[in-house]
N, C-alpha and C. Protein backbone atom coordinates (compact mmCIF):
# COMPACT_ATOMS: atom_id res chain seq x y z
N MET A 1 19.13 -10.72 -16.28
CA MET A 1 18.16 -11.76 -16.60
C MET A 1 16.80 -11.38 -16.05
N SER A 2 15.76 -11.50 -16.87
CA SER A 2 14.42 -11.10 -16.47
C SER A 2 13.84 -12.06 -15.44
N THR A 3 13.00 -11.52 -14.58
CA THR A 3 12.33 -12.32 -13.57
C THR A 3 10.88 -12.53 -13.98
N THR A 4 10.41 -13.77 -13.90
CA THR A 4 9.05 -14.10 -14.29
C THR A 4 8.27 -14.63 -13.10
N ILE A 5 7.04 -14.15 -12.95
CA ILE A 5 6.13 -14.65 -11.92
C ILE A 5 4.95 -15.30 -12.63
N THR A 6 4.58 -16.50 -12.21
CA THR A 6 3.46 -17.22 -12.82
C THR A 6 2.26 -17.18 -11.89
N PHE A 7 1.12 -16.76 -12.44
CA PHE A 7 -0.12 -16.70 -11.68
C PHE A 7 -1.02 -17.86 -12.08
N PRO A 8 -1.80 -18.39 -11.14
CA PRO A 8 -2.57 -19.60 -11.41
C PRO A 8 -3.76 -19.41 -12.34
N ASP A 9 -4.28 -18.17 -12.46
CA ASP A 9 -5.48 -17.96 -13.27
C ASP A 9 -5.61 -16.48 -13.65
N PRO A 10 -6.44 -16.18 -14.64
CA PRO A 10 -6.63 -14.78 -15.05
C PRO A 10 -7.18 -13.90 -13.94
N ALA A 11 -7.96 -14.47 -13.02
CA ALA A 11 -8.53 -13.67 -11.94
C ALA A 11 -7.43 -13.07 -11.06
N SER A 12 -6.35 -13.82 -10.84
CA SER A 12 -5.24 -13.32 -10.04
C SER A 12 -4.56 -12.14 -10.73
N VAL A 13 -4.41 -12.23 -12.04
CA VAL A 13 -3.80 -11.14 -12.79
C VAL A 13 -4.70 -9.90 -12.77
N SER A 14 -5.99 -10.12 -12.89
CA SER A 14 -6.94 -9.01 -12.83
C SER A 14 -6.89 -8.33 -11.47
N ASP A 15 -6.78 -9.13 -10.41
CA ASP A 15 -6.68 -8.60 -9.06
C ASP A 15 -5.42 -7.75 -8.91
N LEU A 16 -4.30 -8.25 -9.44
CA LEU A 16 -3.04 -7.52 -9.40
C LEU A 16 -3.15 -6.20 -10.15
N ARG A 17 -3.74 -6.24 -11.34
CA ARG A 17 -3.88 -5.04 -12.15
C ARG A 17 -4.74 -3.99 -11.43
N THR A 18 -5.82 -4.43 -10.81
CA THR A 18 -6.71 -3.50 -10.10
C THR A 18 -5.99 -2.81 -8.95
N PHE A 19 -5.25 -3.61 -8.16
CA PHE A 19 -4.53 -3.04 -7.02
C PHE A 19 -3.48 -2.04 -7.46
N LEU A 20 -2.69 -2.39 -8.46
CA LEU A 20 -1.62 -1.50 -8.90
C LEU A 20 -2.16 -0.25 -9.61
N THR A 21 -3.28 -0.38 -10.29
CA THR A 21 -3.90 0.79 -10.91
C THR A 21 -4.31 1.80 -9.84
N ARG A 22 -4.90 1.30 -8.75
CA ARG A 22 -5.27 2.17 -7.64
C ARG A 22 -4.03 2.76 -6.98
N ALA A 23 -3.01 1.93 -6.79
CA ALA A 23 -1.79 2.39 -6.14
C ALA A 23 -1.11 3.48 -6.95
N ALA A 24 -1.14 3.36 -8.27
CA ALA A 24 -0.48 4.34 -9.13
C ALA A 24 -1.11 5.71 -9.03
N ARG A 25 -2.39 5.78 -8.67
CA ARG A 25 -3.05 7.07 -8.51
C ARG A 25 -2.55 7.80 -7.27
N VAL A 26 -2.01 7.06 -6.31
CA VAL A 26 -1.48 7.64 -5.08
C VAL A 26 0.00 7.94 -5.23
N ASP A 27 0.77 6.94 -5.68
CA ASP A 27 2.21 7.09 -5.87
C ASP A 27 2.65 6.00 -6.85
N ASP A 28 3.05 6.42 -8.04
CA ASP A 28 3.41 5.45 -9.06
C ASP A 28 4.92 5.20 -9.13
N THR A 29 5.64 5.57 -8.05
CA THR A 29 7.09 5.42 -8.06
C THR A 29 7.52 3.96 -8.06
N ALA A 30 6.98 3.17 -7.13
CA ALA A 30 7.52 1.82 -6.98
C ALA A 30 6.53 0.88 -6.32
N VAL A 31 6.75 -0.40 -6.56
CA VAL A 31 6.05 -1.47 -5.86
C VAL A 31 7.10 -2.49 -5.43
N ARG A 32 7.01 -2.92 -4.20
CA ARG A 32 7.92 -3.96 -3.70
C ARG A 32 7.21 -5.31 -3.80
N LEU A 33 7.83 -6.27 -4.45
CA LEU A 33 7.27 -7.60 -4.61
C LEU A 33 8.11 -8.59 -3.83
N VAL A 34 7.47 -9.28 -2.89
CA VAL A 34 8.14 -10.29 -2.07
C VAL A 34 7.42 -11.61 -2.30
N LEU A 35 8.12 -12.57 -2.87
CA LEU A 35 7.54 -13.87 -3.18
C LEU A 35 8.26 -14.94 -2.37
N ALA A 36 7.50 -15.68 -1.58
CA ALA A 36 8.07 -16.76 -0.76
C ALA A 36 6.99 -17.80 -0.51
N GLY A 37 7.34 -19.06 -0.70
CA GLY A 37 6.40 -20.13 -0.41
C GLY A 37 5.14 -20.11 -1.24
N GLY A 38 5.23 -19.58 -2.45
CA GLY A 38 4.06 -19.54 -3.32
C GLY A 38 3.10 -18.41 -3.05
N VAL A 39 3.47 -17.48 -2.16
CA VAL A 39 2.62 -16.32 -1.85
C VAL A 39 3.35 -15.05 -2.24
N LEU A 40 2.70 -14.23 -3.06
CA LEU A 40 3.27 -12.96 -3.49
C LEU A 40 2.67 -11.84 -2.66
N ALA A 41 3.53 -11.06 -2.02
CA ALA A 41 3.11 -9.89 -1.26
C ALA A 41 3.55 -8.64 -2.01
N LEU A 42 2.61 -7.73 -2.22
CA LEU A 42 2.89 -6.48 -2.93
C LEU A 42 2.73 -5.32 -1.96
N TYR A 43 3.80 -4.54 -1.81
CA TYR A 43 3.78 -3.37 -0.94
C TYR A 43 3.87 -2.11 -1.80
N THR A 44 3.02 -1.14 -1.51
CA THR A 44 3.11 0.17 -2.14
C THR A 44 2.96 1.23 -1.05
N ALA A 45 3.42 2.44 -1.33
CA ALA A 45 3.41 3.51 -0.32
C ALA A 45 2.31 4.52 -0.60
N ALA A 46 1.49 4.76 0.40
CA ALA A 46 0.50 5.83 0.31
C ALA A 46 1.09 7.12 0.88
N LEU A 47 1.88 7.00 1.94
CA LEU A 47 2.56 8.13 2.56
C LEU A 47 3.92 7.67 3.03
N SER A 48 4.92 8.52 2.90
CA SER A 48 6.25 8.17 3.41
C SER A 48 7.02 9.45 3.75
N PRO A 49 7.76 9.43 4.87
CA PRO A 49 8.52 10.61 5.30
C PRO A 49 9.68 10.91 4.35
N ARG A 50 10.17 12.12 4.44
CA ARG A 50 11.35 12.53 3.67
C ARG A 50 12.39 13.06 4.63
N GLY A 51 13.49 12.38 4.73
CA GLY A 51 14.57 12.85 5.59
C GLY A 51 14.43 12.39 7.03
N LEU A 52 15.52 12.49 7.78
CA LEU A 52 15.59 11.99 9.14
C LEU A 52 14.72 12.76 10.10
N MET A 53 14.47 14.04 9.83
CA MET A 53 13.71 14.86 10.76
C MET A 53 12.23 14.93 10.42
N ASP A 54 11.80 14.18 9.46
CA ASP A 54 10.38 14.15 9.10
C ASP A 54 9.66 13.22 10.07
N ARG A 55 8.73 13.76 10.84
CA ARG A 55 8.05 12.99 11.89
C ARG A 55 6.76 12.33 11.39
N GLY A 56 6.56 12.35 10.11
CA GLY A 56 5.34 11.78 9.57
C GLY A 56 5.32 10.27 9.62
N PHE A 57 4.21 9.71 9.19
CA PHE A 57 4.03 8.28 9.17
C PHE A 57 4.46 7.68 7.83
N THR A 58 4.93 6.46 7.90
CA THR A 58 5.03 5.63 6.71
C THR A 58 3.75 4.81 6.66
N VAL A 59 3.01 4.91 5.58
CA VAL A 59 1.76 4.17 5.43
C VAL A 59 1.84 3.35 4.16
N LEU A 60 1.76 2.05 4.30
CA LEU A 60 1.91 1.13 3.17
C LEU A 60 0.63 0.35 2.92
N GLY A 61 0.39 0.06 1.66
CA GLY A 61 -0.67 -0.87 1.29
C GLY A 61 -0.06 -2.24 1.05
N LEU A 62 -0.78 -3.29 1.41
CA LEU A 62 -0.29 -4.66 1.22
C LEU A 62 -1.40 -5.52 0.66
N ARG A 63 -1.09 -6.18 -0.44
CA ARG A 63 -2.03 -7.13 -1.06
C ARG A 63 -1.27 -8.43 -1.29
N THR A 64 -1.88 -9.55 -0.96
CA THR A 64 -1.23 -10.85 -1.15
C THR A 64 -2.07 -11.72 -2.08
N MET A 65 -1.38 -12.64 -2.78
CA MET A 65 -2.06 -13.56 -3.69
C MET A 65 -1.14 -14.73 -3.99
N ARG A 66 -1.72 -15.79 -4.54
CA ARG A 66 -0.94 -16.96 -4.91
C ARG A 66 -0.16 -16.69 -6.20
N ALA A 67 1.08 -17.12 -6.22
CA ALA A 67 1.93 -16.96 -7.40
C ALA A 67 3.15 -17.84 -7.24
N ALA A 68 3.94 -17.96 -8.30
CA ALA A 68 5.12 -18.82 -8.25
C ALA A 68 6.20 -18.29 -9.17
N SER A 69 7.43 -18.61 -8.84
CA SER A 69 8.57 -18.38 -9.71
C SER A 69 9.60 -19.44 -9.37
N GLU A 70 10.68 -19.52 -10.12
CA GLU A 70 11.67 -20.55 -9.87
C GLU A 70 12.37 -20.36 -8.52
N THR A 71 12.49 -19.14 -8.08
CA THR A 71 13.11 -18.85 -6.79
C THR A 71 12.30 -17.78 -6.07
N ASP A 72 12.46 -17.72 -4.75
CA ASP A 72 11.85 -16.64 -3.99
C ASP A 72 12.50 -15.32 -4.41
N LEU A 73 11.79 -14.23 -4.21
CA LEU A 73 12.35 -12.94 -4.62
C LEU A 73 11.89 -11.83 -3.70
N ASP A 74 12.63 -10.73 -3.73
CA ASP A 74 12.29 -9.52 -3.00
C ASP A 74 12.91 -8.37 -3.80
N ILE A 75 12.09 -7.73 -4.64
CA ILE A 75 12.60 -6.69 -5.53
C ILE A 75 11.65 -5.50 -5.53
N VAL A 76 12.17 -4.35 -5.94
CA VAL A 76 11.39 -3.12 -6.05
C VAL A 76 11.48 -2.63 -7.49
N VAL A 77 10.34 -2.49 -8.13
CA VAL A 77 10.29 -2.11 -9.55
C VAL A 77 9.27 -0.99 -9.75
N PRO A 78 9.29 -0.30 -10.89
CA PRO A 78 8.33 0.78 -11.14
C PRO A 78 6.91 0.23 -11.28
N VAL A 79 5.97 0.91 -10.66
CA VAL A 79 4.57 0.49 -10.76
C VAL A 79 4.10 0.52 -12.21
N ARG A 80 4.41 1.60 -12.92
CA ARG A 80 3.96 1.73 -14.31
C ARG A 80 4.57 0.65 -15.19
N GLY A 81 5.80 0.25 -14.87
CA GLY A 81 6.44 -0.79 -15.66
C GLY A 81 5.69 -2.11 -15.55
N VAL A 82 5.23 -2.44 -14.35
CA VAL A 82 4.46 -3.67 -14.15
C VAL A 82 3.11 -3.57 -14.85
N LEU A 83 2.47 -2.41 -14.73
CA LEU A 83 1.16 -2.23 -15.38
C LEU A 83 1.28 -2.36 -16.89
N ASP A 84 2.36 -1.86 -17.45
CA ASP A 84 2.57 -2.00 -18.90
C ASP A 84 2.67 -3.47 -19.28
N ARG A 85 3.36 -4.26 -18.48
CA ARG A 85 3.50 -5.70 -18.77
C ARG A 85 2.16 -6.42 -18.59
N LEU A 86 1.35 -5.95 -17.64
CA LEU A 86 0.06 -6.59 -17.40
C LEU A 86 -0.93 -6.35 -18.53
N ALA A 87 -0.66 -5.35 -19.34
CA ALA A 87 -1.57 -5.06 -20.46
C ALA A 87 -1.55 -6.19 -21.48
N THR A 88 -0.44 -6.92 -21.57
CA THR A 88 -0.32 -8.02 -22.53
C THR A 88 0.35 -9.22 -21.85
N PRO A 89 -0.35 -9.89 -20.91
CA PRO A 89 0.25 -11.03 -20.21
C PRO A 89 0.47 -12.21 -21.15
N ASP A 90 1.45 -13.04 -20.82
CA ASP A 90 1.79 -14.21 -21.61
C ASP A 90 0.90 -15.39 -21.19
N THR A 91 0.06 -15.87 -22.09
CA THR A 91 -0.83 -16.98 -21.78
C THR A 91 -0.40 -18.26 -22.47
N SER A 92 0.83 -18.33 -22.93
CA SER A 92 1.29 -19.49 -23.69
C SER A 92 1.33 -20.76 -22.86
N SER A 93 1.36 -20.61 -21.53
CA SER A 93 1.44 -21.79 -20.67
C SER A 93 0.08 -22.39 -20.37
N GLY A 94 -0.99 -21.88 -20.98
CA GLY A 94 -2.31 -22.45 -20.78
C GLY A 94 -3.13 -21.62 -19.81
N GLU A 95 -3.66 -22.30 -18.76
CA GLU A 95 -4.51 -21.61 -17.81
C GLU A 95 -3.74 -20.60 -16.96
N SER A 96 -2.47 -20.90 -16.68
CA SER A 96 -1.66 -19.97 -15.89
C SER A 96 -1.16 -18.83 -16.76
N LEU A 97 -0.76 -17.75 -16.12
CA LEU A 97 -0.28 -16.58 -16.85
C LEU A 97 1.08 -16.17 -16.31
N ASP A 98 1.98 -15.87 -17.22
CA ASP A 98 3.33 -15.47 -16.85
C ASP A 98 3.49 -13.96 -16.98
N LEU A 99 4.04 -13.35 -15.95
CA LEU A 99 4.33 -11.92 -15.94
C LEU A 99 5.84 -11.74 -15.86
N VAL A 100 6.42 -11.13 -16.90
CA VAL A 100 7.85 -10.82 -16.90
C VAL A 100 8.02 -9.43 -16.31
N LEU A 101 8.72 -9.34 -15.19
CA LEU A 101 8.88 -8.08 -14.49
C LEU A 101 9.89 -7.18 -15.20
N PRO A 102 9.74 -5.87 -15.04
CA PRO A 102 10.72 -4.94 -15.63
C PRO A 102 12.12 -5.19 -15.09
N ASP A 103 13.11 -4.99 -15.92
CA ASP A 103 14.50 -5.15 -15.48
C ASP A 103 14.94 -4.00 -14.58
N GLN A 104 14.28 -2.85 -14.72
CA GLN A 104 14.65 -1.68 -13.92
C GLN A 104 14.34 -1.90 -12.45
N ARG A 105 15.25 -1.50 -11.59
CA ARG A 105 15.05 -1.55 -10.15
C ARG A 105 14.96 -0.13 -9.61
N VAL A 106 14.17 0.05 -8.56
CA VAL A 106 13.93 1.37 -7.99
C VAL A 106 14.42 1.39 -6.55
N GLY A 107 15.06 2.48 -6.16
CA GLY A 107 15.50 2.65 -4.78
C GLY A 107 14.60 3.65 -4.06
N THR A 108 13.95 3.23 -2.99
CA THR A 108 13.10 4.11 -2.20
C THR A 108 13.38 3.88 -0.72
N VAL A 109 13.17 4.92 0.07
CA VAL A 109 13.40 4.80 1.51
C VAL A 109 12.41 3.83 2.13
N TRP A 110 11.13 3.95 1.76
CA TRP A 110 10.12 3.13 2.42
C TRP A 110 10.28 1.64 2.12
N ALA A 111 10.83 1.30 0.95
CA ALA A 111 10.98 -0.12 0.60
C ALA A 111 12.00 -0.81 1.49
N GLY A 112 12.85 -0.04 2.14
CA GLY A 112 13.82 -0.62 3.05
C GLY A 112 13.29 -0.79 4.46
N ILE A 113 12.04 -0.39 4.68
CA ILE A 113 11.40 -0.52 6.00
C ILE A 113 10.47 -1.72 5.95
N SER A 114 10.85 -2.80 6.56
CA SER A 114 10.07 -4.03 6.47
C SER A 114 9.13 -4.18 7.67
N PRO A 115 7.83 -4.18 7.44
CA PRO A 115 6.90 -4.44 8.53
C PRO A 115 7.09 -5.87 9.05
N PRO A 116 6.79 -6.12 10.30
CA PRO A 116 6.92 -7.48 10.83
C PRO A 116 5.94 -8.44 10.16
N ARG A 117 6.35 -9.69 10.00
CA ARG A 117 5.49 -10.70 9.42
C ARG A 117 4.76 -11.52 10.48
N SER A 118 5.16 -11.36 11.73
CA SER A 118 4.53 -12.10 12.82
C SER A 118 4.50 -11.22 14.06
N GLY A 119 3.90 -11.73 15.11
CA GLY A 119 3.84 -10.99 16.36
C GLY A 119 2.73 -9.96 16.43
N TRP A 120 1.80 -10.00 15.49
CA TRP A 120 0.69 -9.04 15.49
C TRP A 120 -0.36 -9.44 16.52
N LEU A 121 -0.80 -8.47 17.32
CA LEU A 121 -1.80 -8.71 18.34
C LEU A 121 -3.03 -7.85 18.08
N PRO A 122 -4.24 -8.40 18.24
CA PRO A 122 -5.45 -7.59 18.04
C PRO A 122 -5.57 -6.51 19.10
N VAL A 123 -5.90 -5.30 18.67
CA VAL A 123 -6.02 -4.18 19.62
C VAL A 123 -7.35 -3.45 19.45
N GLY A 124 -8.30 -4.06 18.76
CA GLY A 124 -9.60 -3.43 18.63
C GLY A 124 -10.11 -3.42 17.20
N GLU A 125 -11.14 -2.63 16.97
CA GLU A 125 -11.76 -2.49 15.66
C GLU A 125 -12.13 -1.03 15.43
N VAL A 126 -12.32 -0.68 14.17
CA VAL A 126 -12.78 0.66 13.82
C VAL A 126 -13.89 0.52 12.78
N PRO A 127 -15.00 1.23 12.95
CA PRO A 127 -16.08 1.14 11.96
C PRO A 127 -15.62 1.61 10.58
N ALA A 128 -16.06 0.92 9.55
CA ALA A 128 -15.72 1.33 8.19
C ALA A 128 -16.20 2.76 7.93
N ALA A 129 -17.33 3.12 8.52
CA ALA A 129 -17.86 4.48 8.34
C ALA A 129 -16.91 5.53 8.90
N ALA A 130 -16.22 5.20 10.01
CA ALA A 130 -15.27 6.15 10.59
C ALA A 130 -14.07 6.35 9.68
N LEU A 131 -13.64 5.27 9.01
CA LEU A 131 -12.54 5.39 8.05
C LEU A 131 -12.95 6.26 6.86
N ALA A 132 -14.17 6.04 6.38
CA ALA A 132 -14.66 6.83 5.25
C ALA A 132 -14.79 8.30 5.62
N ASP A 133 -15.27 8.58 6.83
CA ASP A 133 -15.42 9.97 7.28
C ASP A 133 -14.06 10.64 7.41
N ALA A 134 -13.08 9.93 7.97
CA ALA A 134 -11.74 10.50 8.13
C ALA A 134 -11.11 10.80 6.77
N THR A 135 -11.38 9.93 5.80
CA THR A 135 -10.84 10.15 4.46
C THR A 135 -11.46 11.39 3.82
N ARG A 136 -12.77 11.49 3.88
CA ARG A 136 -13.45 12.64 3.26
C ARG A 136 -13.00 13.96 3.86
N SER A 137 -12.95 14.02 5.19
CA SER A 137 -12.57 15.29 5.82
C SER A 137 -11.11 15.62 5.55
N GLY A 138 -10.26 14.60 5.52
CA GLY A 138 -8.84 14.83 5.26
C GLY A 138 -8.59 15.31 3.84
N VAL A 139 -9.24 14.68 2.88
CA VAL A 139 -9.09 15.09 1.48
C VAL A 139 -9.54 16.54 1.30
N ALA A 140 -10.66 16.89 1.93
CA ALA A 140 -11.17 18.26 1.82
C ALA A 140 -10.20 19.26 2.45
N GLU A 141 -9.63 18.89 3.60
CA GLU A 141 -8.69 19.80 4.27
C GLU A 141 -7.42 19.99 3.46
N VAL A 142 -6.90 18.91 2.88
CA VAL A 142 -5.71 19.03 2.05
C VAL A 142 -5.98 19.93 0.86
N ALA A 143 -7.13 19.73 0.21
CA ALA A 143 -7.48 20.55 -0.95
C ALA A 143 -7.60 22.03 -0.59
N ASP A 144 -8.15 22.32 0.60
CA ASP A 144 -8.33 23.71 1.02
C ASP A 144 -7.03 24.34 1.50
N SER A 145 -6.08 23.52 1.96
CA SER A 145 -4.87 24.05 2.59
C SER A 145 -3.70 24.23 1.63
N VAL A 146 -3.73 23.54 0.50
CA VAL A 146 -2.60 23.63 -0.44
C VAL A 146 -2.78 24.86 -1.32
N PRO A 147 -1.84 25.80 -1.29
CA PRO A 147 -1.96 27.00 -2.14
C PRO A 147 -1.89 26.65 -3.62
N THR A 148 -2.42 27.51 -4.44
CA THR A 148 -2.34 27.32 -5.88
C THR A 148 -0.88 27.35 -6.33
N ALA A 149 -0.52 26.40 -7.19
CA ALA A 149 0.85 26.29 -7.71
C ALA A 149 1.87 26.07 -6.60
N ALA A 150 1.46 25.37 -5.54
CA ALA A 150 2.39 25.10 -4.44
C ALA A 150 3.46 24.12 -4.88
N GLY A 151 4.66 24.25 -4.31
CA GLY A 151 5.74 23.33 -4.61
C GLY A 151 5.53 21.99 -3.95
N ASP A 152 6.30 21.01 -4.39
CA ASP A 152 6.16 19.65 -3.89
C ASP A 152 6.41 19.58 -2.39
N HIS A 153 7.36 20.36 -1.89
CA HIS A 153 7.68 20.34 -0.46
C HIS A 153 6.48 20.80 0.37
N ILE A 154 5.80 21.84 -0.08
CA ILE A 154 4.65 22.35 0.65
C ILE A 154 3.50 21.34 0.63
N VAL A 155 3.27 20.75 -0.53
CA VAL A 155 2.21 19.75 -0.64
C VAL A 155 2.48 18.58 0.31
N HIS A 156 3.72 18.12 0.33
CA HIS A 156 4.08 17.00 1.21
C HIS A 156 3.87 17.38 2.67
N SER A 157 4.28 18.59 3.06
CA SER A 157 4.15 19.04 4.44
C SER A 157 2.69 19.09 4.86
N VAL A 158 1.83 19.63 3.98
CA VAL A 158 0.41 19.72 4.29
C VAL A 158 -0.20 18.33 4.43
N ARG A 159 0.11 17.45 3.49
CA ARG A 159 -0.46 16.11 3.52
C ARG A 159 -0.03 15.35 4.78
N GLN A 160 1.25 15.44 5.14
CA GLN A 160 1.71 14.74 6.34
C GLN A 160 1.05 15.32 7.59
N GLY A 161 0.88 16.64 7.61
CA GLY A 161 0.24 17.26 8.77
C GLY A 161 -1.20 16.79 8.95
N VAL A 162 -1.92 16.68 7.86
CA VAL A 162 -3.32 16.25 7.92
C VAL A 162 -3.43 14.76 8.23
N TRP A 163 -2.68 13.95 7.52
CA TRP A 163 -2.85 12.50 7.62
C TRP A 163 -2.14 11.89 8.83
N ALA A 164 -1.30 12.65 9.52
CA ALA A 164 -0.66 12.14 10.73
C ALA A 164 -1.56 12.24 11.95
N ARG A 165 -2.62 13.00 11.85
CA ARG A 165 -3.55 13.13 12.98
C ARG A 165 -4.27 11.81 13.23
N PRO A 166 -4.55 11.52 14.49
CA PRO A 166 -5.23 10.25 14.78
C PRO A 166 -6.71 10.28 14.38
N ILE A 167 -7.21 9.13 14.03
CA ILE A 167 -8.64 8.97 13.81
C ILE A 167 -9.36 9.13 15.13
N ALA A 168 -10.53 9.72 15.11
CA ALA A 168 -11.29 9.96 16.34
C ALA A 168 -11.45 8.68 17.14
N GLY A 169 -11.02 8.74 18.40
CA GLY A 169 -11.16 7.60 19.28
C GLY A 169 -10.05 6.58 19.19
N ARG A 170 -9.07 6.80 18.28
CA ARG A 170 -7.97 5.86 18.12
C ARG A 170 -6.66 6.63 18.02
N ASP A 171 -6.03 6.91 19.14
CA ASP A 171 -4.78 7.67 19.15
C ASP A 171 -3.65 6.93 18.45
N ASP A 172 -3.78 5.61 18.32
CA ASP A 172 -2.71 4.82 17.71
C ASP A 172 -2.87 4.65 16.20
N LEU A 173 -3.95 5.20 15.63
CA LEU A 173 -4.24 4.97 14.22
C LEU A 173 -4.30 6.31 13.47
N PRO A 174 -3.34 6.58 12.59
CA PRO A 174 -3.34 7.85 11.86
C PRO A 174 -4.42 7.89 10.79
N ALA A 175 -4.91 9.09 10.52
CA ALA A 175 -5.91 9.25 9.47
C ALA A 175 -5.37 8.80 8.12
N GLY A 176 -4.04 8.83 7.96
CA GLY A 176 -3.45 8.36 6.72
C GLY A 176 -3.74 6.90 6.42
N ALA A 177 -3.97 6.10 7.47
CA ALA A 177 -4.33 4.70 7.26
C ALA A 177 -5.71 4.61 6.62
N ALA A 178 -6.62 5.48 7.03
CA ALA A 178 -7.95 5.51 6.42
C ALA A 178 -7.85 5.96 4.97
N PHE A 179 -7.03 6.99 4.72
CA PHE A 179 -6.81 7.46 3.35
C PHE A 179 -6.31 6.34 2.45
N ALA A 180 -5.32 5.58 2.95
CA ALA A 180 -4.76 4.48 2.16
C ALA A 180 -5.79 3.40 1.91
N ALA A 181 -6.55 3.04 2.94
CA ALA A 181 -7.56 1.99 2.79
C ALA A 181 -8.59 2.38 1.73
N ASP A 182 -8.95 3.65 1.71
CA ASP A 182 -9.90 4.12 0.70
C ASP A 182 -9.27 4.13 -0.68
N ALA A 183 -8.05 4.64 -0.78
CA ALA A 183 -7.38 4.75 -2.07
C ALA A 183 -7.17 3.39 -2.72
N TYR A 184 -6.88 2.36 -1.92
CA TYR A 184 -6.62 1.04 -2.45
C TYR A 184 -7.90 0.21 -2.62
N GLY A 185 -9.05 0.78 -2.25
CA GLY A 185 -10.30 0.05 -2.39
C GLY A 185 -10.52 -1.00 -1.32
N PHE A 186 -9.91 -0.79 -0.14
CA PHE A 186 -9.99 -1.78 0.93
C PHE A 186 -11.15 -1.55 1.90
N ILE A 187 -11.70 -0.35 1.95
CA ILE A 187 -12.75 -0.07 2.93
C ILE A 187 -14.01 -0.85 2.55
N PRO A 188 -14.51 -1.67 3.46
CA PRO A 188 -15.71 -2.46 3.14
C PRO A 188 -16.96 -1.60 3.09
N ASP A 189 -17.95 -2.11 2.41
CA ASP A 189 -19.23 -1.41 2.32
C ASP A 189 -20.07 -1.70 3.57
N GLY A 190 -21.04 -0.84 3.83
CA GLY A 190 -21.98 -1.10 4.91
C GLY A 190 -21.43 -0.75 6.28
N ALA A 191 -21.98 -1.43 7.30
CA ALA A 191 -21.68 -1.11 8.69
C ALA A 191 -20.59 -2.00 9.27
N GLU A 192 -19.81 -2.64 8.43
CA GLU A 192 -18.77 -3.55 8.90
C GLU A 192 -17.67 -2.81 9.66
N SER A 193 -17.09 -3.49 10.65
CA SER A 193 -15.94 -2.94 11.37
C SER A 193 -14.66 -3.60 10.86
N VAL A 194 -13.58 -2.85 10.92
CA VAL A 194 -12.29 -3.34 10.42
C VAL A 194 -11.38 -3.63 11.61
N PRO A 195 -10.82 -4.83 11.70
CA PRO A 195 -9.94 -5.17 12.83
C PRO A 195 -8.61 -4.42 12.77
N ILE A 196 -8.07 -4.12 13.94
CA ILE A 196 -6.80 -3.42 14.07
C ILE A 196 -5.83 -4.31 14.83
N PHE A 197 -4.59 -4.37 14.34
CA PHE A 197 -3.55 -5.16 14.99
C PHE A 197 -2.33 -4.27 15.22
N ALA A 198 -1.50 -4.67 16.17
CA ALA A 198 -0.28 -3.90 16.46
C ALA A 198 0.88 -4.85 16.68
N SER A 199 2.07 -4.39 16.27
CA SER A 199 3.30 -5.14 16.51
C SER A 199 4.43 -4.13 16.62
N GLY A 200 4.96 -3.96 17.83
CA GLY A 200 6.01 -2.97 18.03
C GLY A 200 5.52 -1.57 17.68
N SER A 201 6.25 -0.88 16.81
CA SER A 201 5.88 0.49 16.41
C SER A 201 4.89 0.52 15.25
N TRP A 202 4.44 -0.65 14.82
CA TRP A 202 3.54 -0.73 13.67
C TRP A 202 2.09 -0.96 14.11
N VAL A 203 1.17 -0.41 13.34
CA VAL A 203 -0.26 -0.69 13.50
C VAL A 203 -0.80 -1.10 12.13
N ARG A 204 -1.78 -2.01 12.13
CA ARG A 204 -2.25 -2.56 10.86
C ARG A 204 -3.77 -2.62 10.82
N LEU A 205 -4.33 -2.12 9.74
CA LEU A 205 -5.75 -2.32 9.43
C LEU A 205 -5.85 -3.54 8.52
N SER A 206 -6.79 -4.43 8.81
CA SER A 206 -6.90 -5.65 8.02
C SER A 206 -8.33 -5.94 7.58
N PRO A 207 -8.85 -5.11 6.68
CA PRO A 207 -10.13 -5.46 6.06
C PRO A 207 -9.94 -6.67 5.15
N ARG A 208 -11.03 -7.21 4.62
CA ARG A 208 -10.95 -8.46 3.85
C ARG A 208 -10.19 -8.30 2.53
N ARG A 209 -10.16 -7.11 1.98
CA ARG A 209 -9.58 -6.93 0.64
C ARG A 209 -8.07 -6.67 0.65
N GLY A 210 -7.49 -6.43 1.81
CA GLY A 210 -6.06 -6.14 1.85
C GLY A 210 -5.67 -5.62 3.22
N HIS A 211 -4.48 -5.06 3.33
CA HIS A 211 -3.97 -4.56 4.60
C HIS A 211 -3.36 -3.18 4.41
N VAL A 212 -3.44 -2.38 5.46
CA VAL A 212 -2.75 -1.09 5.52
C VAL A 212 -1.89 -1.08 6.77
N LEU A 213 -0.61 -0.78 6.58
CA LEU A 213 0.35 -0.79 7.70
C LEU A 213 0.92 0.62 7.89
N ALA A 214 0.99 1.06 9.14
CA ALA A 214 1.47 2.41 9.41
C ALA A 214 2.49 2.38 10.54
N ARG A 215 3.52 3.23 10.39
CA ARG A 215 4.54 3.35 11.43
C ARG A 215 5.04 4.79 11.45
N ARG A 216 5.11 5.36 12.66
CA ARG A 216 5.66 6.70 12.78
C ARG A 216 7.18 6.65 12.70
N SER A 217 7.76 7.59 11.98
CA SER A 217 9.22 7.62 11.84
C SER A 217 9.88 7.91 13.17
N ALA A 218 10.99 7.26 13.41
CA ALA A 218 11.76 7.51 14.64
C ALA A 218 12.75 8.63 14.40
N LEU A 219 12.91 9.51 15.37
CA LEU A 219 13.88 10.61 15.27
C LEU A 219 15.20 10.16 15.86
């Protein structure tokens, strides 16, 4: 049986489409949708380890918005499948819009790692300019370090090596968090600073447009 999510207005659907379009450029494998109490949380992966001995970070993007369905849900579906449905949303209900989710379910390691929903404590701020600088230098290093026609394993190893390094002045914040914030369009313009929160093994960037959550894999 298909699952339907109802959004209150076209702006919410446009917001969803923009976020998933950006996410698909990073990794179009899957999106985790968690709906509870009228709030839809969308998780996508910018970086994720492979295997038990991979010491890299899991870096997730999180966007929340108002939405509704007959029951709460927590499912993982293909990003492209949702984008295809968003191309022709159902407006028969009037001002609200109904999105019928793909029937296909996706299994991913990162989707089984649930960041905490509470217990976050403020641990400082980072200038938006520092996030932008870390992204630019990291992208350039990855491009220079990946050999021509490199296999997927080599590309993954290089990317994890670059993005696992801490941002200057923040040993608890991997450069991959800056990469994700940029990729998802979360980095604010100008001289604004972005608050940082921590909960257990997780660290979170929380600019106004969304959240980036990072956790180092345990061996």
